[in-house]
Amino acid sequence: MIDRQTTPFLAALAVVLVWGLNFPLSKALFNQVGPAGFLGLRYLLVPLCAVALLCWRFGRRWPRLDRGEVWPLVRLTLVGQGLHLMLSNYGMQGSTAFSASVLLACGPVFTLLILRLSGVERLSRGQIAGVAAAAAGALLFMADKLLGAQQADWQAGLGDLMLLAAAALFSYYTVASKPLIQHHGGVTVLAYGSLVCTLPMLAWCAPALLAMDWAGQPTWVWSGVVWQVAGGGFIGWLAWGWANERRGVARTAPLIYLMPLVAGLAAWLLGGEQFSAHKLLGAGVILAGVALAQFSPGNPAPRPASRR
């Protein structure tokens, strides 16, 4: 009989496997319809999923935001969802599925740096060592592209830099949205943010959607987009949050480091992607540095002395 801890573990593991497999699927979709086309198809489905999520959670009585929370939500979601997804998609278009999975895993490092810059936390020696290792691993990982003389190398290097920028933006969203999530819950912030992003994203993607050969697209494109949005997106994040709640973040978060391994194996088996020795070494150094930075104990920032 499966106990209460095993079920959340299996759910979290399934989510990591799905997210890892989604990287080569995303790459295939970008190659078929382009990054703007994929984003447009995604945001034709996103509002439907958001409304379904709100109705499932709250019925007809959706939570109201305070007047002072509306603009912060709009600003955060346009950056943390909209711009983050744009950079991720265009970056992966110029890079590879494995590179995207590794570089987007650098999010915890950017989160620590944002907390440090905002004065919330001082980095411990272990965290500093982890940040330095992740940065060195990223340079090693991208060295062949950044030093390459051919235009394709520079385009791939630019794609990797866009992926790092996307990871940084999502980390900013993670830190800055915490007050809203604490007040209204993750479901509300995710669903409302998705609705906020829909019109701007569709406006951006409208030319690609109008130019798309809708009748000529194979069936796997439509099923792949639906799965990316509903399965890997909304259902995946809900399952991940549920597993974190049941098992605790500290016990569940390390599973995320399996995602690049899954993405790399899938990209090799399904897409024929090849990995050089320095690429694998750089990926290992990045993930080791991120893990060290994420799980080393931090130092809270000192509180200003109170005046008597």
C-alpha atoms as a PDB file:
ATOM      1  CA  MET A   1       0.000   0.000   0.000  1.00  0.00           C
ATOM      2  CA  ILE A   2       1.351   3.449  -0.944  1.00  0.00           C
ATOM      3  CA  ASP A   3       1.865   5.701   2.095  1.00  0.00           C
ATOM      4  CA  ARG A   4       1.207   9.437   2.328  1.00  0.00           C
ATOM      5  CA  GLN A   5       4.805  10.378   1.535  1.00  0.00           C
ATOM      6  CA  THR A   6       5.178   8.104  -1.481  1.00  0.00           C
ATOM      7  CA  THR A   7       2.289   9.587  -3.449  1.00  0.00           C
ATOM      8  CA  PRO A   8       3.610  13.198  -3.341  1.00  0.00           C
ATOM      9  CA  PHE A   9       7.087  11.915  -4.226  1.00  0.00           C
ATOM     10  CA  LEU A  10       5.753  10.052  -7.256  1.00  0.00           C
ATOM     11  CA  ALA A  11       3.733  13.118  -8.272  1.00  0.00           C
ATOM     12  CA  ALA A  12       6.795  15.377  -8.054  1.00  0.00           C
ATOM     13  CA  LEU A  13       8.900  12.854  -9.962  1.00  0.00           C
ATOM     14  CA  ALA A  14       6.258  12.622 -12.689  1.00  0.00           C
ATOM     15  CA  VAL A  15       6.200  16.419 -13.003  1.00  0.00           C
ATOM     16  CA  VAL A  16       9.984  16.554 -13.367  1.00  0.00           C
ATOM     17  CA  LEU A  17       9.865  13.863 -16.059  1.00  0.00           C
ATOM     18  CA  VAL A  18       7.123  15.746 -17.926  1.00  0.00           C
ATOM     19  CA  TRP A  19       8.989  19.050 -17.719  1.00  0.00           C
ATOM     20  CA  GLY A  20      12.192  17.408 -18.906  1.00  0.00           C
ATOM     21  CA  LEU A  21      10.454  15.794 -21.884  1.00  0.00           C
ATOM     22  CA  ASN A  22       8.784  19.101 -22.707  1.00  0.00           C
ATOM     23  CA  PHE A  23      12.110  20.696 -23.702  1.00  0.00           C
ATOM     24  CA  PRO A  24      12.660  18.600 -26.861  1.00  0.00           C
ATOM     25  CA  LEU A  25       8.924  18.838 -27.584  1.00  0.00           C
ATOM     26  CA  SER A  26       9.139  22.637 -27.367  1.00  0.00           C
ATOM     27  CA  LYS A  27      12.143  22.642 -29.686  1.00  0.00           C
ATOM     28  CA  ALA A  28      10.223  20.569 -32.217  1.00  0.00           C
ATOM     29  CA  LEU A  29       7.216  22.913 -31.996  1.00  0.00           C
ATOM     30  CA  PHE A  30       9.435  25.975 -32.482  1.00  0.00           C
ATOM     31  CA  ASN A  31      10.978  24.398 -35.564  1.00  0.00           C
ATOM     32  CA  GLN A  32       7.489  23.712 -36.935  1.00  0.00           C
ATOM     33  CA  VAL A  33       5.604  26.965 -36.213  1.00  0.00           C
ATOM     34  CA  GLY A  34       8.300  29.337 -34.927  1.00  0.00           C
ATOM     35  CA  PRO A  35       8.608  30.821 -31.418  1.00  0.00           C
ATOM     36  CA  ALA A  36       6.018  33.548 -32.060  1.00  0.00           C
ATOM     37  CA  GLY A  37       3.610  31.050 -33.569  1.00  0.00           C
ATOM     38  CA  PHE A  38       3.973  28.749 -30.592  1.00  0.00           C
ATOM     39  CA  LEU A  39       3.454  31.622 -28.143  1.00  0.00           C
ATOM     40  CA  GLY A  40       0.341  32.684 -30.037  1.00  0.00           C
ATOM     41  CA  LEU A  41      -1.103  29.171 -29.979  1.00  0.00           C
ATOM     42  CA  ARG A  42      -0.238  28.935 -26.301  1.00  0.00           C
ATOM     43  CA  TYR A  43      -2.114  32.122 -25.426  1.00  0.00           C
ATOM     44  CA  LEU A  44      -5.175  31.037 -27.367  1.00  0.00           C
ATOM     45  CA  LEU A  45      -5.457  28.240 -24.776  1.00  0.00           C
ATOM     46  CA  VAL A  46      -4.072  29.933 -21.657  1.00  0.00           C
ATOM     47  CA  PRO A  47      -7.178  32.025 -20.815  1.00  0.00           C
ATOM     48  CA  LEU A  48      -9.390  28.933 -21.094  1.00  0.00           C
ATOM     49  CA  CYS A  49      -7.154  27.076 -18.637  1.00  0.00           C
ATOM     50  CA  ALA A  50      -7.004  30.085 -16.312  1.00  0.00           C
ATOM     51  CA  VAL A  51     -10.778  30.476 -16.201  1.00  0.00           C
ATOM     52  CA  ALA A  52     -11.238  26.724 -15.673  1.00  0.00           C
ATOM     53  CA  LEU A  53      -8.712  26.842 -12.821  1.00  0.00           C
ATOM     54  CA  LEU A  54     -10.461  29.763 -11.112  1.00  0.00           C
ATOM     55  CA  CYS A  55     -13.881  28.112 -11.464  1.00  0.00           C
ATOM     56  CA  TRP A  56     -12.522  24.834 -10.096  1.00  0.00           C
ATOM     57  CA  ARG A  57     -10.946  26.583  -7.116  1.00  0.00           C
ATOM     58  CA  PHE A  58     -13.459  29.334  -6.320  1.00  0.00           C
ATOM     59  CA  GLY A  59     -16.627  28.578  -8.268  1.00  0.00           C
ATOM     60  CA  ARG A  60     -18.347  31.763  -9.402  1.00  0.00           C
ATOM     61  CA  ARG A  61     -16.949  33.926  -6.590  1.00  0.00           C
ATOM     62  CA  TRP A  62     -13.449  34.793  -7.691  1.00  0.00           C
ATOM     63  CA  PRO A  63     -11.216  36.609  -5.185  1.00  0.00           C
ATOM     64  CA  ARG A  64     -10.893  40.364  -5.477  1.00  0.00           C
ATOM     65  CA  LEU A  65      -7.616  42.226  -5.494  1.00  0.00           C
ATOM     66  CA  ASP A  66      -7.047  45.371  -3.501  1.00  0.00           C
ATOM     67  CA  ARG A  67      -6.723  48.475  -5.653  1.00  0.00           C
ATOM     68  CA  GLY A  68      -3.060  48.815  -4.746  1.00  0.00           C
ATOM     69  CA  GLU A  69      -2.353  45.238  -5.851  1.00  0.00           C
ATOM     70  CA  VAL A  70      -3.617  45.531  -9.431  1.00  0.00           C
ATOM     71  CA  TRP A  71      -0.657  47.375 -10.951  1.00  0.00           C
ATOM     72  CA  PRO A  72       1.978  45.242  -9.137  1.00  0.00           C
ATOM     73  CA  LEU A  73       0.257  42.121 -10.480  1.00  0.00           C
ATOM     74  CA  VAL A  74       0.159  43.535 -14.022  1.00  0.00           C
ATOM     75  CA  ARG A  75       3.809  44.605 -13.884  1.00  0.00           C
ATOM     76  CA  LEU A  76       5.050  41.354 -12.376  1.00  0.00           C
ATOM     77  CA  THR A  77       3.177  39.056 -14.723  1.00  0.00           C
ATOM     78  CA  LEU A  78       4.155  40.986 -17.851  1.00  0.00           C
ATOM     79  CA  VAL A  79       7.788  40.515 -16.786  1.00  0.00           C
ATOM     80  CA  GLY A  80       7.657  37.146 -15.031  1.00  0.00           C
ATOM     81  CA  GLN A  81       5.307  35.403 -17.441  1.00  0.00           C
ATOM     82  CA  GLY A  82       5.209  37.402 -20.673  1.00  0.00           C
ATOM     83  CA  LEU A  83       8.795  38.593 -21.160  1.00  0.00           C
ATOM     84  CA  HIS A  84      10.162  35.456 -19.486  1.00  0.00           C
ATOM     85  CA  LEU A  85       8.312  33.205 -21.952  1.00  0.00           C
ATOM     86  CA  MET A  86       9.321  35.336 -24.929  1.00  0.00           C
ATOM     87  CA  LEU A  87      13.009  35.170 -24.036  1.00  0.00           C
ATOM     88  CA  SER A  88      12.753  31.447 -23.253  1.00  0.00           C
ATOM     89  CA  ASN A  89      11.114  30.679 -26.599  1.00  0.00           C
ATOM     90  CA  TYR A  90      13.361  32.840 -28.762  1.00  0.00           C
ATOM     91  CA  GLY A  91      16.394  31.663 -26.806  1.00  0.00           C
ATOM     92  CA  MET A  92      15.551  27.996 -27.290  1.00  0.00           C
ATOM     93  CA  GLN A  93      14.950  28.656 -30.987  1.00  0.00           C
ATOM     94  CA  GLY A  94      18.633  29.602 -31.327  1.00  0.00           C
ATOM     95  CA  SER A  95      19.916  27.068 -28.799  1.00  0.00           C
ATOM     96  CA  THR A  96      19.154  23.421 -27.997  1.00  0.00           C
ATOM     97  CA  ALA A  97      16.760  21.592 -25.701  1.00  0.00           C
ATOM     98  CA  PHE A  98      19.577  20.437 -23.412  1.00  0.00           C
ATOM     99  CA  SER A  99      21.117  23.904 -23.186  1.00  0.00           C
ATOM    100  CA  ALA A 100      17.726  25.402 -22.326  1.00  0.00           C
ATOM    101  CA  SER A 101      17.105  22.892 -19.538  1.00  0.00           C
ATOM    102  CA  VAL A 102      20.543  23.512 -17.994  1.00  0.00           C
ATOM    103  CA  LEU A 103      20.584  27.311 -18.252  1.00  0.00           C
ATOM    104  CA  LEU A 104      17.000  27.761 -17.036  1.00  0.00           C
ATOM    105  CA  ALA A 105      17.955  25.668 -14.001  1.00  0.00           C
ATOM    106  CA  CYS A 106      20.145  28.602 -12.900  1.00  0.00           C
ATOM    107  CA  GLY A 107      17.045  30.296 -11.461  1.00  0.00           C
ATOM    108  CA  PRO A 108      17.929  29.661  -7.772  1.00  0.00           C
ATOM    109  CA  VAL A 109      21.275  31.435  -8.257  1.00  0.00           C
ATOM    110  CA  PHE A 110      19.562  34.544  -9.617  1.00  0.00           C
ATOM    111  CA  THR A 111      17.038  34.370  -6.780  1.00  0.00           C
ATOM    112  CA  LEU A 112      19.856  34.448  -4.213  1.00  0.00           C
ATOM    113  CA  LEU A 113      21.517  37.391  -5.961  1.00  0.00           C
ATOM    114  CA  ILE A 114      18.224  39.315  -6.052  1.00  0.00           C
ATOM    115  CA  LEU A 115      17.672  38.662  -2.346  1.00  0.00           C
ATOM    116  CA  ARG A 116      21.216  39.846  -1.666  1.00  0.00           C
ATOM    117  CA  LEU A 117      20.822  43.035  -3.707  1.00  0.00           C
ATOM    118  CA  SER A 118      17.488  43.798  -2.056  1.00  0.00           C
ATOM    119  CA  GLY A 119      19.037  43.411   1.402  1.00  0.00           C
ATOM    120  CA  VAL A 120      16.870  40.468   2.444  1.00  0.00           C
ATOM    121  CA  GLU A 121      19.726  38.000   2.815  1.00  0.00           C
ATOM    122  CA  ARG A 122      23.513  37.985   3.057  1.00  0.00           C
ATOM    123  CA  LEU A 123      25.222  35.216   1.151  1.00  0.00           C
ATOM    124  CA  SER A 124      27.140  32.645   3.175  1.00  0.00           C
ATOM    125  CA  ARG A 125      30.483  31.271   2.036  1.00  0.00           C
ATOM    126  CA  GLY A 126      28.800  28.163   0.682  1.00  0.00           C
ATOM    127  CA  GLN A 127      26.324  30.237  -1.314  1.00  0.00           C
ATOM    128  CA  ILE A 128      29.081  32.457  -2.693  1.00  0.00           C
ATOM    129  CA  ALA A 129      31.027  29.357  -3.746  1.00  0.00           C
ATOM    130  CA  GLY A 130      27.901  27.962  -5.408  1.00  0.00           C
ATOM    131  CA  VAL A 131      27.234  31.187  -7.335  1.00  0.00           C
ATOM    132  CA  ALA A 132      30.872  31.320  -8.472  1.00  0.00           C
ATOM    133  CA  ALA A 133      30.806  27.662  -9.561  1.00  0.00           C
ATOM    134  CA  ALA A 134      27.555  28.139 -11.486  1.00  0.00           C
ATOM    135  CA  ALA A 135      28.980  31.223 -13.249  1.00  0.00           C
ATOM    136  CA  ALA A 136      32.175  29.363 -14.150  1.00  0.00           C
ATOM    137  CA  GLY A 137      30.157  26.400 -15.383  1.00  0.00           C
ATOM    138  CA  ALA A 138      27.996  28.683 -17.542  1.00  0.00           C
ATOM    139  CA  LEU A 139      31.094  30.204 -19.160  1.00  0.00           C
ATOM    140  CA  LEU A 140      32.487  26.734 -19.813  1.00  0.00           C
ATOM    141  CA  PHE A 141      29.122  25.545 -21.114  1.00  0.00           C
ATOM    142  CA  MET A 142      28.833  28.411 -23.617  1.00  0.00           C
ATOM    143  CA  ALA A 143      32.539  28.804 -24.421  1.00  0.00           C
ATOM    144  CA  ASP A 144      32.454  27.165 -27.840  1.00  0.00           C
ATOM    145  CA  LYS A 145      29.552  29.365 -28.961  1.00  0.00           C
ATOM    146  CA  LEU A 146      30.858  32.651 -27.541  1.00  0.00           C
ATOM    147  CA  LEU A 147      34.334  32.081 -28.998  1.00  0.00           C
ATOM    148  CA  GLY A 148      33.123  30.687 -32.318  1.00  0.00           C
ATOM    149  CA  ALA A 149      33.847  32.642 -35.456  1.00  0.00           C
ATOM    150  CA  GLN A 150      30.845  31.483 -37.458  1.00  0.00           C
ATOM    151  CA  GLN A 151      27.509  33.305 -37.448  1.00  0.00           C
ATOM    152  CA  ALA A 152      25.689  30.158 -36.312  1.00  0.00           C
ATOM    153  CA  ASP A 153      27.897  30.053 -33.202  1.00  0.00           C
ATOM    154  CA  TRP A 154      27.056  33.649 -32.329  1.00  0.00           C
ATOM    155  CA  GLN A 155      23.349  33.040 -32.857  1.00  0.00           C
ATOM    156  CA  ALA A 156      23.488  29.995 -30.587  1.00  0.00           C
ATOM    157  CA  GLY A 157      25.456  32.010 -28.001  1.00  0.00           C
ATOM    158  CA  LEU A 158      22.852  34.766 -28.141  1.00  0.00           C
ATOM    159  CA  GLY A 159      20.163  32.132 -27.607  1.00  0.00           C
ATOM    160  CA  ASP A 160      21.944  30.886 -24.483  1.00  0.00           C
ATOM    161  CA  LEU A 161      22.277  34.438 -23.131  1.00  0.00           C
ATOM    162  CA  MET A 162      18.555  34.969 -23.705  1.00  0.00           C
ATOM    163  CA  LEU A 163      17.853  31.790 -21.725  1.00  0.00           C
ATOM    164  CA  LEU A 164      19.954  33.101 -18.823  1.00  0.00           C
ATOM    165  CA  ALA A 165      18.066  36.401 -18.972  1.00  0.00           C
ATOM    166  CA  ALA A 166      14.785  34.465 -18.911  1.00  0.00           C
ATOM    167  CA  ALA A 167      15.930  32.581 -15.808  1.00  0.00           C
ATOM    168  CA  ALA A 168      16.818  35.894 -14.133  1.00  0.00           C
ATOM    169  CA  LEU A 169      13.419  37.412 -14.952  1.00  0.00           C
ATOM    170  CA  PHE A 170      11.563  34.421 -13.547  1.00  0.00           C
ATOM    171  CA  SER A 171      13.649  34.649 -10.374  1.00  0.00           C
ATOM    172  CA  TYR A 172      12.666  38.297 -10.050  1.00  0.00           C
ATOM    173  CA  TYR A 173       9.032  37.283 -10.476  1.00  0.00           C
ATOM    174  CA  THR A 174       9.428  34.556  -7.833  1.00  0.00           C
ATOM    175  CA  VAL A 175      10.793  37.024  -5.260  1.00  0.00           C
ATOM    176  CA  ALA A 176       8.600  40.026  -6.082  1.00  0.00           C
ATOM    177  CA  SER A 177       5.320  38.086  -6.282  1.00  0.00           C
ATOM    178  CA  LYS A 178       5.723  36.533  -2.834  1.00  0.00           C
ATOM    179  CA  PRO A 179       3.517  39.143  -1.034  1.00  0.00           C
ATOM    180  CA  LEU A 180       0.717  38.632  -3.561  1.00  0.00           C
ATOM    181  CA  ILE A 181       0.963  34.840  -3.295  1.00  0.00           C
ATOM    182  CA  GLN A 182       0.943  34.995   0.505  1.00  0.00           C
ATOM    183  CA  HIS A 183      -2.169  37.182   0.413  1.00  0.00           C
ATOM    184  CA  HIS A 184      -4.186  35.471  -2.335  1.00  0.00           C
ATOM    185  CA  GLY A 185      -2.543  32.092  -2.955  1.00  0.00           C
ATOM    186  CA  GLY A 186      -0.602  30.712  -5.893  1.00  0.00           C
ATOM    187  CA  VAL A 187      -3.692  29.661  -7.877  1.00  0.00           C
ATOM    188  CA  THR A 188      -5.107  33.191  -7.933  1.00  0.00           C
ATOM    189  CA  VAL A 189      -1.824  34.846  -8.883  1.00  0.00           C
ATOM    190  CA  LEU A 190      -1.102  32.271 -11.613  1.00  0.00           C
ATOM    191  CA  ALA A 191      -4.587  32.476 -13.142  1.00  0.00           C
ATOM    192  CA  TYR A 192      -4.971  36.264 -12.956  1.00  0.00           C
ATOM    193  CA  GLY A 193      -1.447  36.728 -14.289  1.00  0.00           C
ATOM    194  CA  SER A 194      -2.204  34.448 -17.224  1.00  0.00           C
ATOM    195  CA  LEU A 195      -5.301  36.491 -18.068  1.00  0.00           C
ATOM    196  CA  VAL A 196      -3.316  39.746 -17.817  1.00  0.00           C
ATOM    197  CA  CYS A 197      -0.706  38.469 -20.281  1.00  0.00           C
ATOM    198  CA  THR A 198      -3.151  37.113 -22.848  1.00  0.00           C
ATOM    199  CA  LEU A 199      -3.988  40.271 -24.849  1.00  0.00           C
ATOM    200  CA  PRO A 200      -0.401  41.675 -25.009  1.00  0.00           C
ATOM    201  CA  MET A 201       0.996  38.296 -26.040  1.00  0.00           C
ATOM    202  CA  LEU A 202      -1.664  37.729 -28.690  1.00  0.00           C
ATOM    203  CA  ALA A 203      -1.026  41.222 -30.073  1.00  0.00           C
ATOM    204  CA  TRP A 204       2.701  40.446 -30.305  1.00  0.00           C
ATOM    205  CA  CYS A 205       2.083  37.070 -31.960  1.00  0.00           C
ATOM    206  CA  ALA A 206      -0.733  38.171 -34.281  1.00  0.00           C
ATOM    207  CA  PRO A 207       1.467  38.456 -37.430  1.00  0.00           C
ATOM    208  CA  ALA A 208       2.819  34.922 -36.894  1.00  0.00           C
ATOM    209  CA  LEU A 209      -0.671  33.538 -36.287  1.00  0.00           C
ATOM    210  CA  LEU A 210      -2.046  35.221 -39.421  1.00  0.00           C
ATOM    211  CA  ALA A 211       0.828  33.893 -41.528  1.00  0.00           C
ATOM    212  CA  MET A 212       0.545  30.340 -40.199  1.00  0.00           C
ATOM    213  CA  ASP A 213      -0.666  27.543 -42.448  1.00  0.00           C
ATOM    214  CA  TRP A 214      -3.341  26.272 -40.064  1.00  0.00           C
ATOM    215  CA  ALA A 215      -4.685  23.540 -42.354  1.00  0.00           C
ATOM    216  CA  GLY A 216      -1.217  22.237 -43.151  1.00  0.00           C
ATOM    217  CA  GLN A 217      -0.086  21.648 -39.567  1.00  0.00           C
ATOM    218  CA  PRO A 218       0.223  17.987 -38.529  1.00  0.00           C
ATOM    219  CA  THR A 219      -1.894  16.618 -35.699  1.00  0.00           C
ATOM    220  CA  TRP A 220       1.061  16.364 -33.296  1.00  0.00           C
ATOM    221  CA  VAL A 221       1.410  20.161 -33.313  1.00  0.00           C
ATOM    222  CA  TRP A 222      -2.087  20.690 -31.892  1.00  0.00           C
ATOM    223  CA  SER A 223      -1.790  17.883 -29.341  1.00  0.00           C
ATOM    224  CA  GLY A 224       1.693  19.089 -28.401  1.00  0.00           C
ATOM    225  CA  VAL A 225       0.532  22.658 -27.765  1.00  0.00           C
ATOM    226  CA  VAL A 226      -2.446  21.471 -25.691  1.00  0.00           C
ATOM    227  CA  TRP A 227      -0.172  19.242 -23.646  1.00  0.00           C
ATOM    228  CA  GLN A 228       2.398  22.004 -23.117  1.00  0.00           C
ATOM    229  CA  VAL A 229      -0.210  24.451 -21.839  1.00  0.00           C
ATOM    230  CA  ALA A 230      -2.642  22.238 -19.916  1.00  0.00           C
ATOM    231  CA  GLY A 231      -0.478  19.265 -18.954  1.00  0.00           C
ATOM    232  CA  GLY A 232       3.026  20.577 -18.401  1.00  0.00           C
ATOM    233  CA  GLY A 233       1.819  24.062 -17.536  1.00  0.00           C
ATOM    234  CA  PHE A 234      -1.246  24.336 -15.331  1.00  0.00           C
ATOM    235  CA  ILE A 235      -1.585  20.725 -14.156  1.00  0.00           C
ATOM    236  CA  GLY A 236       2.179  20.381 -13.749  1.00  0.00           C
ATOM    237  CA  TRP A 237       2.503  23.463 -11.568  1.00  0.00           C
ATOM    238  CA  LEU A 238      -0.492  22.459  -9.462  1.00  0.00           C
ATOM    239  CA  ALA A 239       0.958  18.974  -8.923  1.00  0.00           C
ATOM    240  CA  TRP A 240       4.382  20.431  -8.094  1.00  0.00           C
ATOM    241  CA  GLY A 241       2.867  22.824  -5.568  1.00  0.00           C
ATOM    242  CA  TRP A 242       0.835  20.015  -4.017  1.00  0.00           C
ATOM    243  CA  ALA A 243       3.951  17.832  -3.677  1.00  0.00           C
ATOM    244  CA  ASN A 244       5.876  20.721  -2.090  1.00  0.00           C
ATOM    245  CA  GLU A 245       3.050  21.246   0.373  1.00  0.00           C
ATOM    246  CA  ARG A 246       2.920  17.569   1.365  1.00  0.00           C
ATOM    247  CA  ARG A 247       6.645  16.750   1.409  1.00  0.00           C
ATOM    248  CA  GLY A 248       8.162  20.168   2.058  1.00  0.00           C
ATOM    249  CA  VAL A 249      10.180  22.314  -0.343  1.00  0.00           C
ATOM    250  CA  ALA A 250      13.534  21.159   1.039  1.00  0.00           C
ATOM    251  CA  ARG A 251      12.766  17.501   0.237  1.00  0.00           C
ATOM    252  CA  THR A 252      11.105  18.114  -3.115  1.00  0.00           C
ATOM    253  CA  ALA A 253      13.305  20.828  -4.685  1.00  0.00           C
ATOM    254  CA  PRO A 254      16.350  18.547  -5.319  1.00  0.00           C
ATOM    255  CA  LEU A 255      14.267  16.529  -7.785  1.00  0.00           C
ATOM    256  CA  ILE A 256      14.376  19.486 -10.178  1.00  0.00           C
ATOM    257  CA  TYR A 257      18.019  18.658 -10.906  1.00  0.00           C
ATOM    258  CA  LEU A 258      16.846  15.525 -12.702  1.00  0.00           C
ATOM    259  CA  MET A 259      15.149  17.722 -15.314  1.00  0.00           C
ATOM    260  CA  PRO A 260      18.276  18.499 -17.408  1.00  0.00           C
ATOM    261  CA  LEU A 261      19.183  14.807 -17.321  1.00  0.00           C
ATOM    262  CA  VAL A 262      15.739  13.868 -18.663  1.00  0.00           C
ATOM    263  CA  ALA A 263      15.847  16.658 -21.254  1.00  0.00           C
ATOM    264  CA  GLY A 264      19.330  15.656 -22.399  1.00  0.00           C
ATOM    265  CA  LEU A 265      18.468  11.980 -22.745  1.00  0.00           C
ATOM    266  CA  ALA A 266      15.242  12.799 -24.601  1.00  0.00           C
ATOM    267  CA  ALA A 267      17.022  15.250 -26.915  1.00  0.00           C
ATOM    268  CA  TRP A 268      19.664  12.604 -27.668  1.00  0.00           C
ATOM    269  CA  LEU A 269      17.221   9.746 -28.240  1.00  0.00           C
ATOM    270  CA  LEU A 270      14.477  11.668 -30.068  1.00  0.00           C
ATOM    271  CA  GLY A 271      16.261  14.620 -31.624  1.00  0.00           C
ATOM    272  CA  GLY A 272      19.741  13.274 -32.271  1.00  0.00           C
ATOM    273  CA  GLU A 273      21.367  16.032 -30.199  1.00  0.00           C
ATOM    274  CA  GLN A 274      25.089  15.486 -29.567  1.00  0.00           C
ATOM    275  CA  PHE A 275      27.045  16.549 -26.467  1.00  0.00           C
ATOM    276  CA  SER A 276      30.746  17.345 -26.326  1.00  0.00           C
ATOM    277  CA  ALA A 277      32.854  16.557 -23.250  1.00  0.00           C
ATOM    278  CA  HIS A 278      33.236  20.213 -22.249  1.00  0.00           C
ATOM    279  CA  LYS A 279      29.473  20.701 -22.642  1.00  0.00           C
ATOM    280  CA  LEU A 280      28.730  17.859 -20.228  1.00  0.00           C
ATOM    281  CA  LEU A 281      31.426  19.087 -17.835  1.00  0.00           C
ATOM    282  CA  GLY A 282      30.011  22.621 -17.927  1.00  0.00           C
ATOM    283  CA  ALA A 283      26.493  21.327 -17.276  1.00  0.00           C
ATOM    284  CA  GLY A 284      27.739  19.307 -14.302  1.00  0.00           C
ATOM    285  CA  VAL A 285      29.554  22.318 -12.835  1.00  0.00           C
ATOM    286  CA  ILE A 286      26.475  24.526 -13.305  1.00  0.00           C
ATOM    287  CA  LEU A 287      24.114  22.098 -11.587  1.00  0.00           C
ATOM    288  CA  ALA A 288      26.582  21.436  -8.759  1.00  0.00           C
ATOM    289  CA  GLY A 289      27.001  25.172  -8.215  1.00  0.00           C
ATOM    290  CA  VAL A 290      23.253  25.787  -8.269  1.00  0.00           C
ATOM    291  CA  ALA A 291      22.687  22.971  -5.763  1.00  0.00           C
ATOM    292  CA  LEU A 292      25.433  24.309  -3.475  1.00  0.00           C
ATOM    293  CA  ALA A 293      24.045  27.838  -3.650  1.00  0.00           C
ATOM    294  CA  GLN A 294      20.459  26.724  -3.112  1.00  0.00           C
ATOM    295  CA  PHE A 295      20.946  24.351  -0.211  1.00  0.00           C
ATOM    296  CA  SER A 296      23.772  26.049   1.718  1.00  0.00           C
ATOM    297  CA  PRO A 297      22.426  27.824   4.814  1.00  0.00           C
ATOM    298  CA  GLY A 298      22.117  31.562   4.310  1.00  0.00           C
ATOM    299  CA  ASN A 299      22.601  34.536   6.603  1.00  0.00           C
ATOM    300  CA  PRO A 300      19.617  36.849   7.203  1.00  0.00           C
ATOM    301  CA  ALA A 301      20.380  40.502   6.607  1.00  0.00           C
ATOM    302  CA  PRO A 302      20.936  42.413   9.869  1.00  0.00           C
ATOM    303  CA  ARG A 303      18.002  44.497  10.995  1.00  0.00           C
ATOM    304  CA  PRO A 304      18.659  48.202  11.507  1.00  0.00           C
ATOM    305  CA  ALA A 305      19.131  49.088  15.141  1.00  0.00           C
ATOM    306  CA  SER A 306      16.001  50.569  16.686  1.00  0.00           C
ATOM    307  CA  ARG A 307      16.223  54.086  18.035  1.00  0.00           C
ATOM    308  CA  ARG A 308      15.286  54.701  21.595  1.00  0.00           C
END
